[in-house]
C-alpha atoms as a PDB file:
ATOM      1  CA  MET A   1       0.000   0.000   0.000  1.00  0.00           C
ATOM      2  CA  ALA A   2       2.796   2.439   0.886  1.00  0.00           C
ATOM      3  CA  ASN A   3       4.429   1.961  -2.534  1.00  0.00           C
ATOM      4  CA  THR A   4       1.066   2.492  -4.246  1.00  0.00           C
ATOM      5  CA  VAL A   5       0.462   5.700  -2.289  1.00  0.00           C
ATOM      6  CA  SER A   6       3.964   6.959  -3.147  1.00  0.00           C
ATOM      7  CA  THR A   7       3.403   6.215  -6.823  1.00  0.00           C
ATOM      8  CA  LEU A   8       0.088   8.054  -6.840  1.00  0.00           C
ATOM      9  CA  THR A   9       1.038  11.111  -4.781  1.00  0.00           C
ATOM     10  CA  TYR A  10       4.710  11.828  -5.517  1.00  0.00           C
ATOM     11  CA  PRO A  11       6.154  14.083  -6.653  1.00  0.00           C
ATOM     12  CA  ARG A  12       4.074  16.650  -4.775  1.00  0.00           C
ATOM     13  CA  LEU A  13       3.679  20.364  -5.350  1.00  0.00           C
ATOM     14  CA  LEU A  14       3.237  22.145  -2.021  1.00  0.00           C
ATOM     15  CA  GLY A  15       2.008  25.678  -1.419  1.00  0.00           C
ATOM     16  CA  ASP A  16       1.765  28.091   1.499  1.00  0.00           C
ATOM     17  CA  ILE A  17      -0.398  30.931   0.206  1.00  0.00           C
ATOM     18  CA  GLY A  18      -0.702  34.124   2.237  1.00  0.00           C
ATOM     19  CA  GLY A  19      -2.255  37.451   1.428  1.00  0.00           C
ATOM     20  CA  THR A  20       1.094  38.799   0.202  1.00  0.00           C
ATOM     21  CA  ASN A  21       3.255  35.882  -0.941  1.00  0.00           C
ATOM     22  CA  ALA A  22       2.764  32.439  -2.461  1.00  0.00           C
ATOM     23  CA  ARG A  23       5.491  30.057  -1.280  1.00  0.00           C
ATOM     24  CA  LEU A  24       5.824  26.927  -3.388  1.00  0.00           C
ATOM     25  CA  ALA A  25       8.002  23.841  -3.061  1.00  0.00           C
ATOM     26  CA  TRP A  26       8.559  20.370  -4.506  1.00  0.00           C
ATOM     27  CA  ALA A  27       8.530  17.064  -2.613  1.00  0.00           C
ATOM     28  CA  HIS A  28      10.152  14.429  -4.833  1.00  0.00           C
ATOM     29  CA  GLU A  29       9.461  11.458  -2.556  1.00  0.00           C
ATOM     30  CA  ALA A  30       8.294  10.637   0.956  1.00  0.00           C
ATOM     31  CA  GLY A  31      10.782  11.708   3.613  1.00  0.00           C
ATOM     32  CA  ALA A  32      13.000  13.646   1.210  1.00  0.00           C
ATOM     33  CA  PRO A  33      13.866  17.295   1.947  1.00  0.00           C
ATOM     34  CA  LEU A  34      11.785  19.839   0.073  1.00  0.00           C
ATOM     35  CA  SER A  35      13.430  21.284  -3.018  1.00  0.00           C
ATOM     36  CA  ASP A  36      12.956  24.136  -5.490  1.00  0.00           C
ATOM     37  CA  ILE A  37      11.482  26.376  -2.801  1.00  0.00           C
ATOM     38  CA  ALA A  38      10.384  29.715  -4.239  1.00  0.00           C
ATOM     39  CA  SER A  39       8.242  32.697  -3.281  1.00  0.00           C
ATOM     40  CA  TYR A  40       6.047  34.732  -5.610  1.00  0.00           C
ATOM     41  CA  ARG A  41       4.230  38.003  -4.973  1.00  0.00           C
ATOM     42  CA  CYS A  42       0.506  37.355  -5.140  1.00  0.00           C
ATOM     43  CA  ALA A  43      -0.119  40.827  -6.559  1.00  0.00           C
ATOM     44  CA  GLU A  44       2.008  39.966  -9.609  1.00  0.00           C
ATOM     45  CA  HIS A  45      -0.208  37.046 -10.651  1.00  0.00           C
ATOM     46  CA  GLY A  46      -3.840  37.039 -11.682  1.00  0.00           C
ATOM     47  CA  SER A  47      -4.661  33.756  -9.980  1.00  0.00           C
ATOM     48  CA  LEU A  48      -3.268  30.919  -7.899  1.00  0.00           C
ATOM     49  CA  ALA A  49      -3.162  28.738 -11.011  1.00  0.00           C
ATOM     50  CA  ALA A  50      -1.081  31.387 -12.802  1.00  0.00           C
ATOM     51  CA  ALA A  51       1.436  31.489  -9.939  1.00  0.00           C
ATOM     52  CA  ILE A  52       1.641  27.682  -9.963  1.00  0.00           C
ATOM     53  CA  GLN A  53       2.177  27.561 -13.720  1.00  0.00           C
ATOM     54  CA  ARG A  54       4.954  30.135 -13.433  1.00  0.00           C
ATOM     55  CA  TYR A  55       6.595  28.050 -10.709  1.00  0.00           C
ATOM     56  CA  LEU A  56       6.418  24.884 -12.821  1.00  0.00           C
ATOM     57  CA  SER A  57       7.902  26.759 -15.777  1.00  0.00           C
ATOM     58  CA  ASP A  58      10.648  28.427 -13.718  1.00  0.00           C
ATOM     59  CA  HIS A  59      11.766  25.076 -12.317  1.00  0.00           C
ATOM     60  CA  GLY A  60      11.444  22.968 -15.451  1.00  0.00           C
ATOM     61  CA  LYS A  61       8.620  20.771 -14.153  1.00  0.00           C
ATOM     62  CA  GLN A  62       7.218  19.822 -17.556  1.00  0.00           C
ATOM     63  CA  GLN A  63       5.896  16.530 -16.179  1.00  0.00           C
ATOM     64  CA  GLY A  64       3.980  18.284 -13.415  1.00  0.00           C
ATOM     65  CA  PRO A  65       3.193  16.869  -9.964  1.00  0.00           C
ATOM     66  CA  ARG A  66       1.077  13.796  -9.218  1.00  0.00           C
ATOM     67  CA  ALA A  67      -0.424  15.517  -6.177  1.00  0.00           C
ATOM     68  CA  CYS A  68      -0.746  19.044  -4.864  1.00  0.00           C
ATOM     69  CA  ALA A  69      -1.395  20.421  -1.382  1.00  0.00           C
ATOM     70  CA  ILE A  70      -2.181  24.058  -0.683  1.00  0.00           C
ATOM     71  CA  GLY A  71      -2.395  25.843   2.639  1.00  0.00           C
ATOM     72  CA  ILE A  72      -4.187  29.134   2.022  1.00  0.00           C
ATOM     73  CA  ALA A  73      -4.977  32.167   4.175  1.00  0.00           C
ATOM     74  CA  ASN A  74      -8.721  31.732   3.962  1.00  0.00           C
ATOM     75  CA  PRO A  75     -11.548  29.571   5.302  1.00  0.00           C
ATOM     76  CA  VAL A  76     -11.974  26.405   3.230  1.00  0.00           C
ATOM     77  CA  THR A  77     -15.620  25.430   3.651  1.00  0.00           C
ATOM     78  CA  GLY A  78     -16.568  24.138   0.218  1.00  0.00           C
ATOM     79  CA  ASP A  79     -15.466  24.016  -3.399  1.00  0.00           C
ATOM     80  CA  GLU A  80     -15.249  27.792  -3.910  1.00  0.00           C
ATOM     81  CA  VAL A  81     -12.368  29.586  -2.200  1.00  0.00           C
ATOM     82  CA  ARG A  82     -12.262  33.399  -2.084  1.00  0.00           C
ATOM     83  CA  MET A  83      -9.289  34.841  -0.244  1.00  0.00           C
ATOM     84  CA  THR A  84     -10.039  37.291   2.569  1.00  0.00           C
ATOM     85  CA  ASN A  85      -6.844  39.347   2.230  1.00  0.00           C
ATOM     86  CA  HIS A  86      -6.312  39.105  -1.550  1.00  0.00           C
ATOM     87  CA  HIS A  87      -8.441  39.014  -4.707  1.00  0.00           C
ATOM     88  CA  TRP A  88      -7.712  35.416  -5.742  1.00  0.00           C
ATOM     89  CA  SER A  89     -10.643  33.011  -5.953  1.00  0.00           C
ATOM     90  CA  PHE A  90     -10.914  29.532  -7.447  1.00  0.00           C
ATOM     91  CA  SER A  91     -12.823  26.259  -7.537  1.00  0.00           C
ATOM     92  CA  ILE A  92     -10.978  23.376  -5.878  1.00  0.00           C
ATOM     93  CA  ALA A  93     -12.451  20.877  -8.351  1.00  0.00           C
ATOM     94  CA  SER A  94     -11.454  23.048 -11.318  1.00  0.00           C
ATOM     95  CA  LEU A  95      -7.935  23.529  -9.946  1.00  0.00           C
ATOM     96  CA  LYS A  96      -7.565  19.748  -9.592  1.00  0.00           C
ATOM     97  CA  LYS A  97      -8.536  19.286 -13.241  1.00  0.00           C
ATOM     98  CA  GLU A  98      -6.327  22.141 -14.434  1.00  0.00           C
ATOM     99  CA  LEU A  99      -3.291  20.727 -12.633  1.00  0.00           C
ATOM    100  CA  ALA A 100      -4.180  17.167 -13.749  1.00  0.00           C
ATOM    101  CA  VAL A 101      -3.212  15.715 -10.362  1.00  0.00           C
ATOM    102  CA  ASN A 102      -4.328  12.461  -8.748  1.00  0.00           C
ATOM    103  CA  ARG A 103      -4.893  14.132  -5.400  1.00  0.00           C
ATOM    104  CA  LEU A 104      -5.424  17.723  -4.257  1.00  0.00           C
ATOM    105  CA  ALA A 105      -5.753  19.022  -0.714  1.00  0.00           C
ATOM    106  CA  VAL A 106      -6.658  22.643   0.020  1.00  0.00           C
ATOM    107  CA  VAL A 107      -6.680  23.635   3.694  1.00  0.00           C
ATOM    108  CA  ASN A 108      -6.472  26.803   5.746  1.00  0.00           C
ATOM    109  CA  ASP A 109      -2.848  27.903   6.031  1.00  0.00           C
ATOM    110  CA  PHE A 110      -2.896  27.635   9.808  1.00  0.00           C
ATOM    111  CA  THR A 111      -4.411  24.165   9.653  1.00  0.00           C
ATOM    112  CA  ALA A 112      -1.359  23.300   7.550  1.00  0.00           C
ATOM    113  CA  LEU A 113       0.928  24.998  10.059  1.00  0.00           C
ATOM    114  CA  ALA A 114      -0.719  23.084  12.909  1.00  0.00           C
ATOM    115  CA  LEU A 115      -0.114  19.783  11.101  1.00  0.00           C
ATOM    116  CA  SER A 116       3.590  20.635  10.967  1.00  0.00           C
ATOM    117  CA  LEU A 117       4.023  21.213  14.715  1.00  0.00           C
ATOM    118  CA  PRO A 118       5.106  17.658  15.658  1.00  0.00           C
ATOM    119  CA  ALA A 119       7.850  17.861  13.000  1.00  0.00           C
ATOM    120  CA  LEU A 120       9.442  21.078  14.326  1.00  0.00           C
ATOM    121  CA  GLY A 121      12.896  20.623  15.831  1.00  0.00           C
ATOM    122  CA  PRO A 122      14.275  22.477  18.873  1.00  0.00           C
ATOM    123  CA  ASP A 123      16.522  24.544  16.595  1.00  0.00           C
ATOM    124  CA  GLU A 124      13.400  25.899  14.875  1.00  0.00           C
ATOM    125  CA  LEU A 125      11.812  27.229  18.082  1.00  0.00           C
ATOM    126  CA  LEU A 126      12.683  30.271  20.193  1.00  0.00           C
ATOM    127  CA  PRO A 127      11.250  30.296  23.747  1.00  0.00           C
ATOM    128  CA  LEU A 128       9.082  33.142  25.006  1.00  0.00           C
ATOM    129  CA  GLY A 129       9.169  32.555  28.733  1.00  0.00           C
ATOM    130  CA  PRO A 130       9.087  29.469  30.957  1.00  0.00           C
ATOM    131  CA  GLY A 131       6.996  26.310  30.893  1.00  0.00           C
ATOM    132  CA  ALA A 132       7.391  22.734  29.711  1.00  0.00           C
ATOM    133  CA  ALA A 133       5.301  20.973  27.088  1.00  0.00           C
ATOM    134  CA  ILE A 134       3.404  17.835  28.086  1.00  0.00           C
ATOM    135  CA  ALA A 135       3.507  15.034  25.531  1.00  0.00           C
ATOM    136  CA  ASP A 136       0.267  14.003  23.827  1.00  0.00           C
ATOM    137  CA  GLU A 137      -1.576  17.138  24.969  1.00  0.00           C
ATOM    138  CA  ALA A 138      -3.231  19.776  22.789  1.00  0.00           C
ATOM    139  CA  MET A 139      -1.067  22.326  20.997  1.00  0.00           C
ATOM    140  CA  ALA A 140      -2.071  25.794  19.801  1.00  0.00           C
ATOM    141  CA  VAL A 141      -0.650  27.867  16.980  1.00  0.00           C
ATOM    142  CA  LEU A 142      -1.340  31.475  16.045  1.00  0.00           C
ATOM    143  CA  GLY A 143       0.424  34.001  13.912  1.00  0.00           C
ATOM    144  CA  PRO A 144       0.161  37.652  12.907  1.00  0.00           C
ATOM    145  CA  GLY A 145       0.968  38.243   9.239  1.00  0.00           C
ATOM    146  CA  THR A 146      -1.180  39.865   6.575  1.00  0.00           C
ATOM    147  CA  GLY A 147      -3.995  38.594   8.816  1.00  0.00           C
ATOM    148  CA  LEU A 148      -4.132  36.593  12.059  1.00  0.00           C
ATOM    149  CA  GLY A 149      -4.214  32.814  11.774  1.00  0.00           C
ATOM    150  CA  VAL A 150      -5.260  30.497  14.600  1.00  0.00           C
ATOM    151  CA  SER A 151      -5.337  26.704  14.771  1.00  0.00           C
ATOM    152  CA  GLY A 152      -4.249  23.799  16.923  1.00  0.00           C
ATOM    153  CA  LEU A 153      -3.863  20.063  17.300  1.00  0.00           C
ATOM    154  CA  LEU A 154      -6.041  17.972  19.593  1.00  0.00           C
ATOM    155  CA  PRO A 155      -5.081  14.468  20.763  1.00  0.00           C
ATOM    156  CA  ALA A 156      -6.907  11.822  18.720  1.00  0.00           C
ATOM    157  CA  PRO A 157      -8.299   8.551  20.063  1.00  0.00           C
ATOM    158  CA  GLY A 158      -5.746   5.842  19.409  1.00  0.00           C
ATOM    159  CA  GLY A 159      -2.842   8.275  19.071  1.00  0.00           C
ATOM    160  CA  GLY A 160      -1.851  11.126  16.821  1.00  0.00           C
ATOM    161  CA  TYR A 161      -3.601  14.459  16.497  1.00  0.00           C
ATOM    162  CA  LEU A 162      -6.614  16.049  14.857  1.00  0.00           C
ATOM    163  CA  PRO A 163      -6.147  19.580  13.462  1.00  0.00           C
ATOM    164  CA  VAL A 164      -8.554  22.372  14.367  1.00  0.00           C
ATOM    165  CA  ALA A 165      -9.763  24.366  11.366  1.00  0.00           C
ATOM    166  CA  GLY A 166     -11.151  27.717  12.510  1.00  0.00           C
ATOM    167  CA  GLU A 167     -11.053  31.484  12.100  1.00  0.00           C
ATOM    168  CA  GLY A 168     -10.163  32.581  15.621  1.00  0.00           C
ATOM    169  CA  GLY A 169      -8.383  35.681  14.369  1.00  0.00           C
ATOM    170  CA  HIS A 170     -11.793  37.221  13.687  1.00  0.00           C
ATOM    171  CA  SER A 171     -13.008  36.787  17.272  1.00  0.00           C
ATOM    172  CA  THR A 172     -13.744  39.998  19.178  1.00  0.00           C
ATOM    173  CA  LEU A 173     -10.734  41.718  20.722  1.00  0.00           C
ATOM    174  CA  ALA A 174     -10.863  42.255  24.485  1.00  0.00           C
ATOM    175  CA  ALA A 175      -9.235  44.984  26.568  1.00  0.00           C
ATOM    176  CA  ASN A 176      -7.327  44.331  29.768  1.00  0.00           C
ATOM    177  CA  ASP A 177      -7.054  47.925  31.007  1.00  0.00           C
ATOM    178  CA  ALA A 178      -8.398  51.419  30.362  1.00  0.00           C
ATOM    179  CA  GLN A 179      -5.717  52.282  27.809  1.00  0.00           C
ATOM    180  CA  GLU A 180      -6.516  49.206  25.729  1.00  0.00           C
ATOM    181  CA  ALA A 181     -10.235  49.931  26.045  1.00  0.00           C
ATOM    182  CA  ALA A 182      -9.635  53.422  24.648  1.00  0.00           C
ATOM    183  CA  VAL A 183      -7.675  51.970  21.718  1.00  0.00           C
ATOM    184  CA  ILE A 184     -10.455  49.502  20.945  1.00  0.00           C
ATOM    185  CA  GLU A 185     -13.078  52.247  21.169  1.00  0.00           C
ATOM    186  CA  TRP A 186     -11.076  54.373  18.718  1.00  0.00           C
ATOM    187  CA  LEU A 187     -10.791  51.430  16.319  1.00  0.00           C
ATOM    188  CA  ARG A 188     -14.498  50.699  16.703  1.00  0.00           C
ATOM    189  CA  GLY A 189     -15.173  54.133  15.254  1.00  0.00           C
ATOM    190  CA  ARG A 190     -13.262  53.084  12.148  1.00  0.00           C
ATOM    191  CA  PHE A 191     -14.236  49.426  11.744  1.00  0.00           C
ATOM    192  CA  GLY A 192     -17.353  48.769  13.804  1.00  0.00           C
ATOM    193  CA  HIS A 193     -16.402  45.274  14.904  1.00  0.00           C
ATOM    194  CA  VAL A 194     -12.846  45.147  16.264  1.00  0.00           C
ATOM    195  CA  SER A 195     -11.467  41.644  15.834  1.00  0.00           C
ATOM    196  CA  ALA A 196      -8.116  40.456  17.138  1.00  0.00           C
ATOM    197  CA  GLU A 197      -6.840  40.604  13.552  1.00  0.00           C
ATOM    198  CA  ARG A 198      -7.461  44.370  13.497  1.00  0.00           C
ATOM    199  CA  VAL A 199      -4.446  44.780  15.809  1.00  0.00           C
ATOM    200  CA  LEU A 200      -2.505  41.491  15.584  1.00  0.00           C
ATOM    201  CA  SER A 201      -1.333  41.650  11.975  1.00  0.00           C
ATOM    202  CA  GLY A 202       0.810  43.843   9.754  1.00  0.00           C
ATOM    203  CA  PRO A 203      -2.115  46.167   9.001  1.00  0.00           C
ATOM    204  CA  GLY A 204      -3.031  45.856  12.681  1.00  0.00           C
ATOM    205  CA  LEU A 205       0.291  47.334  13.770  1.00  0.00           C
ATOM    206  CA  VAL A 206      -0.490  50.325  11.550  1.00  0.00           C
ATOM    207  CA  ASN A 207      -3.960  50.528  13.136  1.00  0.00           C
ATOM    208  CA  LEU A 208      -2.380  50.587  16.605  1.00  0.00           C
ATOM    209  CA  TYR A 209      -0.005  53.369  15.586  1.00  0.00           C
ATOM    210  CA  GLU A 210      -2.835  55.446  14.122  1.00  0.00           C
ATOM    211  CA  ALA A 211      -5.012  54.838  17.191  1.00  0.00           C
ATOM    212  CA  ALA A 212      -2.156  55.913  19.470  1.00  0.00           C
ATOM    213  CA  ALA A 213      -1.753  59.096  17.430  1.00  0.00           C
ATOM    214  CA  GLY A 214      -5.483  59.785  17.391  1.00  0.00           C
ATOM    215  CA  LEU A 215      -5.825  59.340  21.145  1.00  0.00           C
ATOM    216  CA  ALA A 216      -2.836  61.645  21.695  1.00  0.00           C
ATOM    217  CA  GLY A 217      -4.406  64.307  19.483  1.00  0.00           C
ATOM    218  CA  GLN A 218      -1.558  64.055  16.978  1.00  0.00           C
ATOM    219  CA  ALA A 219      -1.535  63.573  13.229  1.00  0.00           C
ATOM    220  CA  ALA A 220      -0.357  60.107  12.252  1.00  0.00           C
ATOM    221  CA  LEU A 221       2.260  59.759   9.554  1.00  0.00           C
ATOM    222  CA  THR A 222       1.692  57.276   6.730  1.00  0.00           C
ATOM    223  CA  LEU A 223       3.958  54.452   7.909  1.00  0.00           C
ATOM    224  CA  THR A 224       4.398  50.803   6.997  1.00  0.00           C
ATOM    225  CA  PRO A 225       4.754  48.140   9.708  1.00  0.00           C
ATOM    226  CA  ALA A 226       8.518  48.030   9.047  1.00  0.00           C
ATOM    227  CA  GLU A 227       8.746  51.815   9.436  1.00  0.00           C
ATOM    228  CA  ILE A 228       6.866  51.636  12.741  1.00  0.00           C
ATOM    229  CA  VAL A 229       9.347  49.045  14.038  1.00  0.00           C
ATOM    230  CA  ASP A 230      12.254  51.173  12.826  1.00  0.00           C
ATOM    231  CA  GLY A 231      10.739  54.280  14.412  1.00  0.00           C
ATOM    232  CA  ALA A 232      10.457  52.511  17.751  1.00  0.00           C
ATOM    233  CA  ARG A 233      13.927  50.968  17.687  1.00  0.00           C
ATOM    234  CA  HIS A 234      16.084  53.655  16.158  1.00  0.00           C
ATOM    235  CA  SER A 235      14.225  56.952  16.384  1.00  0.00           C
ATOM    236  CA  GLY A 236      12.603  56.515  19.770  1.00  0.00           C
ATOM    237  CA  ASP A 237       9.290  57.717  18.359  1.00  0.00           C
ATOM    238  CA  PRO A 238       6.858  57.500  21.309  1.00  0.00           C
ATOM    239  CA  LEU A 239       3.852  56.627  19.133  1.00  0.00           C
ATOM    240  CA  CYS A 240       5.744  53.838  17.368  1.00  0.00           C
ATOM    241  CA  ARG A 241       6.991  52.510  20.700  1.00  0.00           C
ATOM    242  CA  LEU A 242       3.478  52.558  22.129  1.00  0.00           C
ATOM    243  CA  ALA A 243       2.107  50.748  19.068  1.00  0.00           C
ATOM    244  CA  ILE A 244       4.607  47.912  19.515  1.00  0.00           C
ATOM    245  CA  GLU A 245       4.028  47.794  23.270  1.00  0.00           C
ATOM    246  CA  LEU A 246       0.276  47.471  22.681  1.00  0.00           C
ATOM    247  CA  PHE A 247       0.872  44.827  20.017  1.00  0.00           C
ATOM    248  CA  CYS A 248       2.900  42.679  22.429  1.00  0.00           C
ATOM    249  CA  ARG A 249       0.343  43.083  25.214  1.00  0.00           C
ATOM    250  CA  PHE A 250      -2.613  42.203  22.999  1.00  0.00           C
ATOM    251  CA  LEU A 251      -0.692  39.232  21.573  1.00  0.00           C
ATOM    252  CA  GLY A 252       0.014  37.882  25.049  1.00  0.00           C
ATOM    253  CA  SER A 253      -3.614  38.232  26.128  1.00  0.00           C
ATOM    254  CA  PHE A 254      -4.910  36.633  22.938  1.00  0.00           C
ATOM    255  CA  ALA A 255      -2.412  33.758  23.075  1.00  0.00           C
ATOM    256  CA  GLY A 256      -3.457  33.068  26.660  1.00  0.00           C
ATOM    257  CA  ASN A 257      -7.111  32.957  25.611  1.00  0.00           C
ATOM    258  CA  VAL A 258      -6.309  30.459  22.845  1.00  0.00           C
ATOM    259  CA  ALA A 259      -4.279  28.332  25.270  1.00  0.00           C
ATOM    260  CA  LEU A 260      -7.186  28.220  27.720  1.00  0.00           C
ATOM    261  CA  THR A 261      -9.725  27.457  24.997  1.00  0.00           C
ATOM    262  CA  LEU A 262      -7.777  24.490  23.610  1.00  0.00           C
ATOM    263  CA  GLY A 263      -6.194  23.375  26.874  1.00  0.00           C
ATOM    264  CA  ALA A 264      -2.867  23.700  25.060  1.00  0.00           C
ATOM    265  CA  ARG A 265      -0.592  22.047  27.605  1.00  0.00           C
ATOM    266  CA  GLY A 266       1.505  20.812  24.689  1.00  0.00           C
ATOM    267  CA  GLY A 267       2.567  24.402  24.065  1.00  0.00           C
ATOM    268  CA  VAL A 268       1.620  27.555  22.191  1.00  0.00           C
ATOM    269  CA  TYR A 269       3.462  28.202  18.933  1.00  0.00           C
ATOM    270  CA  ILE A 270       3.608  31.637  17.312  1.00  0.00           C
ATOM    271  CA  GLY A 271       4.227  31.900  13.579  1.00  0.00           C
ATOM    272  CA  GLY A 272       3.412  34.443  10.899  1.00  0.00           C
ATOM    273  CA  GLY A 273       5.639  37.099   9.406  1.00  0.00           C
ATOM    274  CA  ILE A 274       5.407  39.786  12.106  1.00  0.00           C
ATOM    275  CA  ALA A 275       6.367  38.203  15.439  1.00  0.00           C
ATOM    276  CA  PRO A 276       9.843  36.931  14.404  1.00  0.00           C
ATOM    277  CA  ARG A 277      10.797  40.512  13.542  1.00  0.00           C
ATOM    278  CA  LEU A 278       9.766  41.631  17.024  1.00  0.00           C
ATOM    279  CA  LEU A 279      11.638  39.013  19.065  1.00  0.00           C
ATOM    280  CA  PRO A 280      13.622  41.513  21.211  1.00  0.00           C
ATOM    281  CA  GLU A 281      10.496  43.571  21.868  1.00  0.00           C
ATOM    282  CA  LEU A 282       8.403  40.499  22.702  1.00  0.00           C
ATOM    283  CA  ARG A 283      10.955  39.211  25.200  1.00  0.00           C
ATOM    284  CA  ALA A 284      11.269  42.634  26.852  1.00  0.00           C
ATOM    285  CA  SER A 285       7.525  43.315  26.845  1.00  0.00           C
ATOM    286  CA  ARG A 286       4.593  42.318  29.028  1.00  0.00           C
ATOM    287  CA  PHE A 287       3.730  39.505  26.600  1.00  0.00           C
ATOM    288  CA  ARG A 288       4.282  36.713  29.114  1.00  0.00           C
ATOM    289  CA  GLU A 289       2.631  38.651  31.944  1.00  0.00           C
ATOM    290  CA  ARG A 290      -0.460  39.082  29.787  1.00  0.00           C
ATOM    291  CA  PHE A 291      -0.326  35.458  28.616  1.00  0.00           C
ATOM    292  CA  GLU A 292      -0.457  34.224  32.205  1.00  0.00           C
ATOM    293  CA  GLY A 293      -2.696  36.998  33.573  1.00  0.00           C
ATOM    294  CA  LYS A 294      -5.964  35.070  33.667  1.00  0.00           C
ATOM    295  CA  GLY A 295      -6.878  35.353  37.336  1.00  0.00           C
ATOM    296  CA  ARG A 296      -7.572  31.966  38.894  1.00  0.00           C
ATOM    297  CA  PHE A 297      -5.870  30.178  35.988  1.00  0.00           C
ATOM    298  CA  GLN A 298      -2.552  32.025  36.243  1.00  0.00           C
ATOM    299  CA  ALA A 299      -0.798  28.947  37.655  1.00  0.00           C
ATOM    300  CA  TYR A 300      -2.247  26.764  34.886  1.00  0.00           C
ATOM    301  CA  LEU A 301      -0.907  29.067  32.163  1.00  0.00           C
ATOM    302  CA  ALA A 302       2.453  29.578  33.891  1.00  0.00           C
ATOM    303  CA  GLN A 303       3.245  25.935  33.096  1.00  0.00           C
ATOM    304  CA  ILE A 304       2.493  26.276  29.359  1.00  0.00           C
ATOM    305  CA  PRO A 305       5.472  27.151  27.153  1.00  0.00           C
ATOM    306  CA  CYS A 306       5.281  29.607  24.267  1.00  0.00           C
ATOM    307  CA  TRP A 307       7.619  29.372  21.302  1.00  0.00           C
ATOM    308  CA  LEU A 308       8.295  31.578  18.338  1.00  0.00           C
ATOM    309  CA  ILE A 309       8.575  29.488  15.175  1.00  0.00           C
ATOM    310  CA  ASN A 310      11.884  30.333  13.511  1.00  0.00           C
ATOM    311  CA  ALA A 311      12.173  27.769  10.714  1.00  0.00           C
ATOM    312  CA  GLU A 312      14.220  28.437   7.587  1.00  0.00           C
ATOM    313  CA  VAL A 313      11.632  26.670   5.401  1.00  0.00           C
ATOM    314  CA  SER A 314       7.938  27.464   5.920  1.00  0.00           C
ATOM    315  CA  PRO A 315       6.631  24.648   8.154  1.00  0.00           C
ATOM    316  CA  ALA A 316       3.192  25.073   6.570  1.00  0.00           C
ATOM    317  CA  LEU A 317       4.626  23.429   3.444  1.00  0.00           C
ATOM    318  CA  ILE A 318       5.348  20.287   5.486  1.00  0.00           C
ATOM    319  CA  GLY A 319       1.896  20.504   7.052  1.00  0.00           C
ATOM    320  CA  ALA A 320       0.241  20.875   3.658  1.00  0.00           C
ATOM    321  CA  SER A 321       1.944  17.672   2.548  1.00  0.00           C
ATOM    322  CA  ARG A 322       0.610  15.907   5.639  1.00  0.00           C
ATOM    323  CA  ALA A 323      -2.900  17.081   4.726  1.00  0.00           C
ATOM    324  CA  LEU A 324      -2.636  15.020   1.526  1.00  0.00           C
ATOM    325  CA  ASP A 325      -2.550  11.904   3.680  1.00  0.00           C
ATOM    326  CA  ILE A 326      -5.803  12.827   5.468  1.00  0.00           C
ATOM    327  CA  GLU A 327      -8.766  11.770   3.353  1.00  0.00           C
ATOM    328  CA  ARG A 328     -11.206  14.459   4.521  1.00  0.00           C
ATOM    329  CA  PHE A 329      -8.937  17.249   3.279  1.00  0.00           C
ATOM    330  CA  CYS A 330      -8.699  15.918  -0.281  1.00  0.00           C
ATOM    331  CA  ALA A 331     -10.881  16.960  -3.220  1.00  0.00           C
ATOM    332  CA  ARG A 332     -13.431  14.345  -4.278  1.00  0.00           C
ATOM    333  CA  ALA A 333     -13.788  15.330  -7.919  1.00  0.00           C
END
């Protein structure tokens, strides 16, 4: 059976598709390191299929893959996929036919990232505070990037894990003090509903900066997330510093909520493109205080470790490949 599965599903084309970049890779055979890893700007391609075809052309893959697995920054609830943070949309069944593959899996990008967690090595994880993971317990993963992804792994009967597919980044943001309440109220005037993603993302960092300026009665400059980080680190800009401080506090509170919800005694993992760039600020901030600051459950959370994922190759590519081996994630057509 294993040889038959390998024949039918290798080589595999793997994708980690965010709102900004499409990361693609090739898995020649089971257990082999990924190869031909490349990243393409989503804005430079009219569709996911176009980005895939460019990848295949760039890397001389005239034969094409036998199977394809895509982790995408979007809910996957049926055949039609419309990205939340980009204009791409497609039919899973049509994509399977266009690629002429035996097997296609399309899952939420953080479901893919969750599936990769057991494969992460200690050299790919940076600790954010104390705690020790308990084997065979639930694990949580979240990550600020273009949006805010949330997922996890729950222990399965008979061993292994079941991934959680959800959209926790769109849950309502909560304040922990008067300053945070004022920030949320300011953002409510702009957005109506203030989700966690409105602050815990690249655009969210800009929102925090603009809210800080608005509450201080100052005019906000037009800054990118990178410019806000630079302004805090090198220019000492008080509004930029406050934006990053608020970001770290909100991230700690939100991560603690996710840990409580899933009972994530196997650890909380933080991915995405924003947090790794803020490692010094996160470690110096009130992140861990806010993570543990849940009243009667402070001692419970104090035992749960948090790690920043710092892998050279996107772990979601590995997780996407694992999704191909789970029947319910694969296209029927």
